[in-house]
Amino acid sequence: MNVKVYNQNGEEVGTTELKPELFEIEPNEAVVHQYIVNLLARRRQGNASTRGRSEVHGGGRKPWRQKGTGRARAGTIRSPLWPGGGTVFGPSKRSYGSNFPRKMKKLAIRSVFSDKAKSDRIKVLDKLELDQIRTKSIVGLMTRLDLEGRKCLILDEGRNDKLVLSCRNLQKVKYCRAALANGYDLLNADYVLITKSGLDKVHEVFG
């Protein structure tokens, strides 16, 4: 599959090939669903935590003798029945994610790329270089590429701090390194804007 290549002025400067093993497969919706559920579960913090009766400080001695006081039997002041005692079946720190096969992850990402390519929602740039950190530059680029008002994911290779800082104030534009692209961001974007160097990296990592 060949797609047009644009420059930063929105002008067509040539074409490039999208590898069929990455951009022309039959999307597997079931695997994509499993991957997205697992990814979002891994992003949950799971920091809620309480202490059980064995974790609460104190209570090492019996508060009073077993018989003869007229009060109920008590073995420790850290019983869940006492104020300041341990919590019964309370939450504890945990991870909500689970192991996900690497081959299934690659299949899910390939499926999303293929779906975007099939619906003509992938645009390729020859390069993306900014002279200075300026949000207006990215807004102008989106306008020239007819992507204004669309959710767009920009994929590039290498560290590009100017691009990162220029995109961070735009609600519908997100930047990500090509090698670190994930299925959720790809699926959430209306269009994927990828540089030629980023495309080469995508072919290398996910192809």
Protein backbone atom coordinates (compact mmCIF):
# COMPACT_ATOMS: atom_id res chain seq x y z
CA MET A 1 0.00 0.00 0.00
CA ASN A 2 1.37 3.40 -1.02
CA VAL A 3 0.43 6.65 0.72
CA LYS A 4 1.23 10.27 -0.03
CA VAL A 5 4.05 12.03 1.78
CA TYR A 6 3.59 15.68 2.79
CA ASN A 7 5.96 18.37 3.97
CA GLN A 8 5.30 20.78 6.84
CA ASN A 9 3.62 23.21 4.44
CA GLY A 10 0.97 20.61 3.60
CA GLU A 11 2.35 20.05 0.09
CA GLU A 12 2.61 16.61 -1.46
CA VAL A 13 6.27 15.69 -2.02
CA GLY A 14 6.06 12.02 -2.95
CA THR A 15 4.81 8.63 -1.83
CA THR A 16 5.98 5.88 0.48
CA GLU A 17 5.09 2.24 1.01
CA LEU A 18 3.28 0.84 4.03
CA LYS A 19 4.29 -2.75 4.67
CA PRO A 20 1.33 -5.11 4.16
CA GLU A 21 2.19 -7.29 7.19
CA LEU A 22 1.58 -4.24 9.40
CA PHE A 23 -0.94 -2.12 7.53
CA GLU A 24 -2.99 -4.59 5.46
CA ILE A 25 -3.97 -7.43 7.81
CA GLU A 26 -7.51 -8.32 8.79
CA PRO A 27 -8.13 -6.54 12.13
CA ASN A 28 -8.76 -8.88 15.05
CA GLU A 29 -11.29 -7.00 17.19
CA ALA A 30 -11.31 -9.58 19.99
CA VAL A 31 -7.56 -9.32 20.55
CA VAL A 32 -7.71 -5.51 20.38
CA HIS A 33 -10.42 -5.53 23.06
CA GLN A 34 -8.39 -7.81 25.33
CA TYR A 35 -5.30 -5.65 24.83
CA ILE A 36 -7.10 -2.39 25.64
CA VAL A 37 -8.73 -3.85 28.76
CA ASN A 38 -5.35 -5.12 29.97
CA LEU A 39 -3.60 -1.82 29.18
CA LEU A 40 -6.15 0.28 31.07
CA ALA A 41 -6.07 -2.16 33.99
CA ARG A 42 -2.29 -1.76 34.19
CA ARG A 43 -2.71 2.01 34.37
CA ARG A 44 -4.82 1.76 37.53
CA GLN A 45 -2.77 2.74 40.55
CA GLY A 46 -4.21 0.29 43.08
CA ASN A 47 -2.83 2.29 46.00
CA ALA A 48 -5.85 1.99 48.33
CA SER A 49 -4.63 0.26 51.48
CA THR A 50 -5.83 -0.51 55.01
CA ARG A 51 -4.27 -2.42 57.90
CA GLY A 52 -5.58 -5.71 59.16
CA ARG A 53 -5.50 -6.72 62.83
CA SER A 54 -2.05 -8.24 62.41
CA GLU A 55 -0.64 -4.98 61.00
CA VAL A 56 -2.01 -2.45 63.50
CA HIS A 57 0.51 -1.28 66.12
CA GLY A 58 0.01 -2.39 69.73
CA GLY A 59 -2.32 -4.92 71.33
CA GLY A 60 0.40 -7.28 72.45
CA ARG A 61 -1.19 -8.03 75.78
CA LYS A 62 -4.63 -9.04 76.93
CA PRO A 63 -6.46 -5.87 78.08
CA TRP A 64 -7.91 -7.53 81.19
CA ARG A 65 -8.26 -10.98 82.67
CA GLN A 66 -10.68 -13.42 81.14
CA LYS A 67 -13.11 -13.76 84.03
CA GLY A 68 -14.39 -11.83 87.02
CA THR A 69 -14.47 -8.27 85.67
CA GLY A 70 -18.08 -8.27 84.43
CA ARG A 71 -16.90 -7.09 81.02
CA ALA A 72 -16.90 -9.02 77.77
CA ARG A 73 -13.93 -11.22 76.97
CA ALA A 74 -11.16 -9.40 75.07
CA GLY A 75 -7.85 -10.68 73.80
CA THR A 76 -6.42 -7.56 72.12
CA ILE A 77 -7.26 -3.89 71.74
CA ARG A 78 -6.56 -4.24 68.01
CA SER A 79 -9.62 -6.38 67.37
CA PRO A 80 -11.80 -5.09 64.49
CA LEU A 81 -14.54 -4.55 67.12
CA TRP A 82 -12.47 -1.88 68.89
CA PRO A 83 -11.92 1.75 67.81
CA GLY A 84 -8.51 1.92 66.15
CA GLY A 85 -8.51 -1.80 65.53
CA GLY A 86 -7.72 -3.56 62.29
CA THR A 87 -9.97 -3.54 59.24
CA VAL A 88 -11.73 -6.71 58.14
CA PHE A 89 -11.29 -7.57 54.46
CA GLY A 90 -10.12 -4.02 53.66
CA PRO A 91 -8.37 -3.06 50.41
CA SER A 92 -4.62 -3.54 50.07
CA LYS A 93 -2.08 -2.40 47.49
CA ARG A 94 -2.33 -4.45 44.33
CA SER A 95 -1.76 -4.43 40.60
CA TYR A 96 -4.84 -4.75 38.43
CA GLY A 97 -2.88 -5.76 35.35
CA SER A 98 -2.02 -9.25 34.21
CA ASN A 99 0.54 -10.77 31.87
CA PHE A 100 -0.33 -10.25 28.22
CA PRO A 101 1.38 -12.29 25.48
CA ARG A 102 3.79 -10.26 23.36
CA LYS A 103 2.50 -11.77 20.12
CA MET A 104 -1.07 -10.80 21.00
CA LYS A 105 0.07 -7.26 21.79
CA LYS A 106 1.75 -6.97 18.39
CA LEU A 107 -1.33 -8.39 16.69
CA ALA A 108 -3.53 -5.84 18.43
CA ILE A 109 -1.32 -2.91 17.38
CA ARG A 110 -1.09 -4.23 13.82
CA SER A 111 -4.88 -4.53 13.76
CA VAL A 112 -5.30 -0.89 14.78
CA PHE A 113 -2.71 0.30 12.23
CA SER A 114 -4.43 -1.73 9.50
CA ASP A 115 -7.83 -0.30 10.42
CA LYS A 116 -6.45 3.26 10.25
CA ALA A 117 -4.80 2.58 6.91
CA LYS A 118 -7.94 0.98 5.51
CA SER A 119 -10.01 4.04 6.39
CA ASP A 120 -7.30 6.39 5.00
CA ARG A 121 -6.54 7.94 8.39
CA ILE A 122 -2.75 7.77 8.23
CA LYS A 123 -0.77 10.77 6.97
CA VAL A 124 3.01 10.67 6.47
CA LEU A 125 5.33 13.67 6.83
CA ASP A 126 8.81 13.79 5.31
CA LYS A 127 10.07 15.36 8.57
CA LEU A 128 8.81 17.44 11.48
CA GLU A 129 11.26 20.06 12.73
CA LEU A 130 10.47 23.13 14.82
CA ASP A 131 12.72 26.17 15.22
CA GLN A 132 11.25 27.00 18.61
CA ILE A 133 8.71 25.81 21.14
CA ARG A 134 5.44 27.19 19.84
CA THR A 135 1.95 25.72 20.04
CA LYS A 136 0.83 27.90 17.14
CA SER A 137 3.24 26.02 14.84
CA ILE A 138 1.44 22.73 15.52
CA VAL A 139 -1.97 24.38 15.11
CA GLY A 140 -0.86 25.72 11.73
CA LEU A 141 0.42 22.30 10.70
CA MET A 142 -2.90 20.68 11.61
CA THR A 143 -4.74 23.31 9.56
CA ARG A 144 -2.53 22.82 6.49
CA LEU A 145 -3.07 19.05 6.63
CA ASP A 146 -6.87 19.41 7.06
CA LEU A 147 -6.69 17.93 10.56
CA GLU A 148 -7.99 20.94 12.46
CA GLY A 149 -10.39 19.93 15.24
CA ARG A 150 -9.52 16.22 14.86
CA LYS A 151 -7.88 14.06 17.49
CA CYS A 152 -4.41 13.42 16.13
CA LEU A 153 -1.53 11.24 17.30
CA ILE A 154 1.93 12.34 16.12
CA LEU A 155 4.57 9.61 15.89
CA ASP A 156 8.22 10.50 15.44
CA GLU A 157 11.51 8.79 16.12
CA GLY A 158 14.13 10.12 18.50
CA ARG A 159 13.91 12.71 21.23
CA ASN A 160 12.12 15.90 20.17
CA ASP A 161 11.62 18.16 23.18
CA LYS A 162 10.41 21.11 21.12
CA LEU A 163 7.64 18.99 19.62
CA VAL A 164 6.66 17.58 23.02
CA LEU A 165 6.36 21.04 24.59
CA SER A 166 4.56 22.48 21.55
CA CYS A 167 1.87 19.78 21.70
CA ARG A 168 1.21 19.65 25.43
CA ASN A 169 -1.34 22.51 25.49
CA LEU A 170 -3.41 21.05 22.65
CA GLN A 171 -6.22 18.88 23.95
CA LYS A 172 -6.68 16.91 20.74
CA VAL A 173 -3.05 16.50 19.71
CA LYS A 174 -0.71 14.01 21.36
CA TYR A 175 2.92 13.22 20.63
CA CYS A 176 4.53 9.82 21.15
CA ARG A 177 7.78 8.19 20.09
CA ALA A 178 7.10 5.68 17.34
CA ALA A 179 8.73 2.76 19.16
CA LEU A 180 6.51 3.37 22.21
CA ALA A 181 3.19 3.62 20.40
CA ASN A 182 0.35 1.82 22.13
CA GLY A 183 -2.97 0.55 20.84
CA TYR A 184 -5.10 2.77 23.08
CA ASP A 185 -3.64 6.06 21.79
CA LEU A 186 -3.79 4.77 18.21
CA LEU A 187 -7.39 3.69 18.59
CA ASN A 188 -8.40 6.92 20.34
CA ALA A 189 -6.96 9.15 17.60
CA ASP A 190 -8.96 10.12 14.53
CA TYR A 191 -5.77 10.43 12.47
CA VAL A 192 -2.21 9.19 12.87
CA LEU A 193 0.43 11.65 11.67
CA ILE A 194 3.75 9.89 11.31
CA THR A 195 7.15 11.02 10.02
CA LYS A 196 9.17 8.91 7.60
CA SER A 197 11.74 8.14 10.30
CA GLY A 198 8.90 7.23 12.64
CA LEU A 199 7.40 4.98 9.97
CA ASP A 200 10.70 3.16 9.56
CA LYS A 201 10.83 2.60 13.32
CA VAL A 202 7.22 1.34 13.38
CA HIS A 203 8.09 -1.15 10.61
CA GLU A 204 11.10 -2.28 12.60
CA VAL A 205 9.37 -2.67 15.98
CA PHE A 206 5.91 -3.90 15.02
CA GLY A 207 6.42 -5.26 11.52
